[in-house]
Amino acid sequence: DLQKKDGMTLIMVEQNAKKGLAFADIGYVLVSGQTAIAGTGDELLENPDVGRLFLGG
């Protein structure tokens, strides 16, 4: 784990939200460049608003 071992942070921009959030410790959903929703990757994957608006569900 780069963050714990080396103190490194990785920023990922991914068009496939499900794939990106599966890797994320923390995720942000941006709308028009502004943070609309933030949380852990798991929280965002389980959030019904995120699912309905951005994950096709």
N, C-alpha and C. Protein backbone atom coordinates (compact mmCIF):
# COMPACT_ATOMS: atom_id res chain seq x y z
N ASP A 1 0.85 -1.18 0.00
CA ASP A 1 0.00 0.00 0.00
C ASP A 1 0.89 1.24 0.00
N LEU A 2 0.88 1.98 -1.08
CA LEU A 2 1.78 3.13 -1.24
C LEU A 2 1.56 4.20 -0.18
N GLN A 3 0.31 4.43 0.20
CA GLN A 3 0.03 5.48 1.18
C GLN A 3 0.65 5.13 2.53
N LYS A 4 0.45 3.93 2.99
CA LYS A 4 0.96 3.54 4.31
C LYS A 4 2.47 3.35 4.28
N LYS A 5 2.99 2.71 3.25
CA LYS A 5 4.41 2.38 3.19
C LYS A 5 5.27 3.60 2.88
N ASP A 6 4.90 4.35 1.86
CA ASP A 6 5.75 5.44 1.36
C ASP A 6 5.13 6.83 1.52
N GLY A 7 3.93 6.92 2.06
CA GLY A 7 3.27 8.21 2.21
C GLY A 7 2.86 8.82 0.88
N MET A 8 2.63 7.97 -0.13
CA MET A 8 2.28 8.45 -1.46
C MET A 8 0.76 8.43 -1.66
N THR A 9 0.29 9.38 -2.42
CA THR A 9 -1.12 9.46 -2.79
C THR A 9 -1.23 9.30 -4.29
N LEU A 10 -2.23 8.58 -4.73
CA LEU A 10 -2.47 8.37 -6.15
C LEU A 10 -3.82 8.99 -6.50
N ILE A 11 -3.85 9.77 -7.54
CA ILE A 11 -5.11 10.35 -8.03
C ILE A 11 -5.46 9.63 -9.32
N MET A 12 -6.65 9.05 -9.36
CA MET A 12 -7.11 8.32 -10.53
C MET A 12 -8.34 9.01 -11.10
N VAL A 13 -8.33 9.22 -12.39
CA VAL A 13 -9.51 9.71 -13.10
C VAL A 13 -9.93 8.57 -14.01
N GLU A 14 -11.14 8.09 -13.81
CA GLU A 14 -11.59 6.89 -14.51
C GLU A 14 -13.01 7.09 -15.04
N GLN A 15 -13.22 6.79 -16.31
CA GLN A 15 -14.55 6.89 -16.90
C GLN A 15 -15.48 5.79 -16.40
N ASN A 16 -14.92 4.63 -16.07
CA ASN A 16 -15.72 3.53 -15.53
C ASN A 16 -15.79 3.71 -14.02
N ALA A 17 -16.88 4.32 -13.54
CA ALA A 17 -17.00 4.68 -12.12
C ALA A 17 -16.95 3.46 -11.22
N LYS A 18 -17.59 2.38 -11.60
CA LYS A 18 -17.58 1.18 -10.76
C LYS A 18 -16.16 0.66 -10.56
N LYS A 19 -15.39 0.64 -11.63
CA LYS A 19 -14.01 0.16 -11.54
C LYS A 19 -13.17 1.10 -10.69
N GLY A 20 -13.29 2.39 -10.91
CA GLY A 20 -12.51 3.36 -10.15
C GLY A 20 -12.85 3.33 -8.67
N LEU A 21 -14.14 3.27 -8.34
CA LEU A 21 -14.55 3.27 -6.93
C LEU A 21 -14.16 1.98 -6.22
N ALA A 22 -14.06 0.88 -6.96
CA ALA A 22 -13.64 -0.38 -6.35
C ALA A 22 -12.21 -0.28 -5.82
N PHE A 23 -11.38 0.57 -6.41
CA PHE A 23 -10.00 0.77 -5.99
C PHE A 23 -9.84 1.88 -4.96
N ALA A 24 -10.84 2.74 -4.84
CA ALA A 24 -10.69 4.00 -4.11
C ALA A 24 -10.83 3.84 -2.60
N ASP A 25 -9.89 4.46 -1.87
CA ASP A 25 -10.08 4.64 -0.43
C ASP A 25 -11.07 5.77 -0.21
N ILE A 26 -10.92 6.84 -0.97
CA ILE A 26 -11.80 8.00 -0.91
C ILE A 26 -12.15 8.37 -2.35
N GLY A 27 -13.42 8.70 -2.58
CA GLY A 27 -13.84 9.09 -3.91
C GLY A 27 -14.65 10.37 -3.89
N TYR A 28 -14.63 11.06 -5.01
CA TYR A 28 -15.39 12.30 -5.17
C TYR A 28 -16.15 12.20 -6.47
N VAL A 29 -17.41 12.56 -6.44
CA VAL A 29 -18.22 12.66 -7.65
C VAL A 29 -18.32 14.14 -7.97
N LEU A 30 -17.82 14.50 -9.15
CA LEU A 30 -17.83 15.90 -9.57
C LEU A 30 -18.96 16.14 -10.56
N VAL A 31 -19.61 17.27 -10.39
CA VAL A 31 -20.63 17.72 -11.34
C VAL A 31 -20.26 19.14 -11.73
N SER A 32 -20.00 19.35 -13.00
CA SER A 32 -19.57 20.66 -13.51
C SER A 32 -18.37 21.20 -12.74
N GLY A 33 -17.44 20.30 -12.41
CA GLY A 33 -16.20 20.70 -11.74
C GLY A 33 -16.32 20.93 -10.25
N GLN A 34 -17.49 20.70 -9.68
CA GLN A 34 -17.70 20.89 -8.25
C GLN A 34 -17.97 19.54 -7.59
N THR A 35 -17.50 19.37 -6.35
CA THR A 35 -17.75 18.14 -5.62
C THR A 35 -19.23 18.05 -5.27
N ALA A 36 -19.89 17.01 -5.78
CA ALA A 36 -21.31 16.80 -5.50
C ALA A 36 -21.49 15.81 -4.35
N ILE A 37 -20.68 14.77 -4.33
CA ILE A 37 -20.76 13.72 -3.31
C ILE A 37 -19.35 13.23 -3.04
N ALA A 38 -19.05 12.96 -1.78
CA ALA A 38 -17.74 12.42 -1.40
C ALA A 38 -17.94 11.31 -0.38
N GLY A 39 -17.02 10.37 -0.37
CA GLY A 39 -17.08 9.28 0.60
C GLY A 39 -16.06 8.22 0.25
N THR A 40 -16.07 7.12 1.00
CA THR A 40 -15.19 6.02 0.65
C THR A 40 -15.70 5.40 -0.65
N GLY A 41 -14.84 4.65 -1.31
CA GLY A 41 -15.27 3.98 -2.53
C GLY A 41 -16.49 3.11 -2.29
N ASP A 42 -16.48 2.35 -1.19
CA ASP A 42 -17.62 1.49 -0.86
C ASP A 42 -18.88 2.30 -0.60
N GLU A 43 -18.76 3.41 0.13
CA GLU A 43 -19.93 4.25 0.41
C GLU A 43 -20.53 4.78 -0.88
N LEU A 44 -19.68 5.21 -1.80
CA LEU A 44 -20.19 5.76 -3.06
C LEU A 44 -20.83 4.68 -3.92
N LEU A 45 -20.24 3.48 -3.92
CA LEU A 45 -20.83 2.38 -4.69
C LEU A 45 -22.20 1.99 -4.14
N GLU A 46 -22.39 2.14 -2.84
CA GLU A 46 -23.66 1.77 -2.21
C GLU A 46 -24.66 2.92 -2.14
N ASN A 47 -24.23 4.14 -2.46
CA ASN A 47 -25.10 5.31 -2.37
C ASN A 47 -26.11 5.27 -3.52
N PRO A 48 -27.42 5.24 -3.21
CA PRO A 48 -28.42 5.15 -4.28
C PRO A 48 -28.40 6.34 -5.25
N ASP A 49 -28.04 7.52 -4.76
CA ASP A 49 -27.97 8.68 -5.66
C ASP A 49 -26.84 8.51 -6.66
N VAL A 50 -25.71 8.03 -6.22
CA VAL A 50 -24.58 7.80 -7.13
C VAL A 50 -24.96 6.71 -8.12
N GLY A 51 -25.56 5.64 -7.62
CA GLY A 51 -25.96 4.55 -8.51
C GLY A 51 -26.95 4.99 -9.56
N ARG A 52 -27.93 5.75 -9.16
CA ARG A 52 -28.98 6.20 -10.09
C ARG A 52 -28.43 7.19 -11.11
N LEU A 53 -27.63 8.13 -10.66
CA LEU A 53 -27.17 9.20 -11.54
C LEU A 53 -25.96 8.84 -12.39
N PHE A 54 -25.05 8.04 -11.83
CA PHE A 54 -23.76 7.87 -12.49
C PHE A 54 -23.41 6.43 -12.83
N LEU A 55 -24.07 5.46 -12.24
CA LEU A 55 -23.69 4.07 -12.47
C LEU A 55 -24.75 3.29 -13.24
N GLY A 56 -25.74 4.00 -13.75
CA GLY A 56 -26.76 3.36 -14.56
C GLY A 56 -27.72 2.48 -13.77
N GLY A 57 -27.89 2.77 -12.49
CA GLY A 57 -28.75 1.89 -11.70
C GLY A 57 -29.65 2.65 -10.84
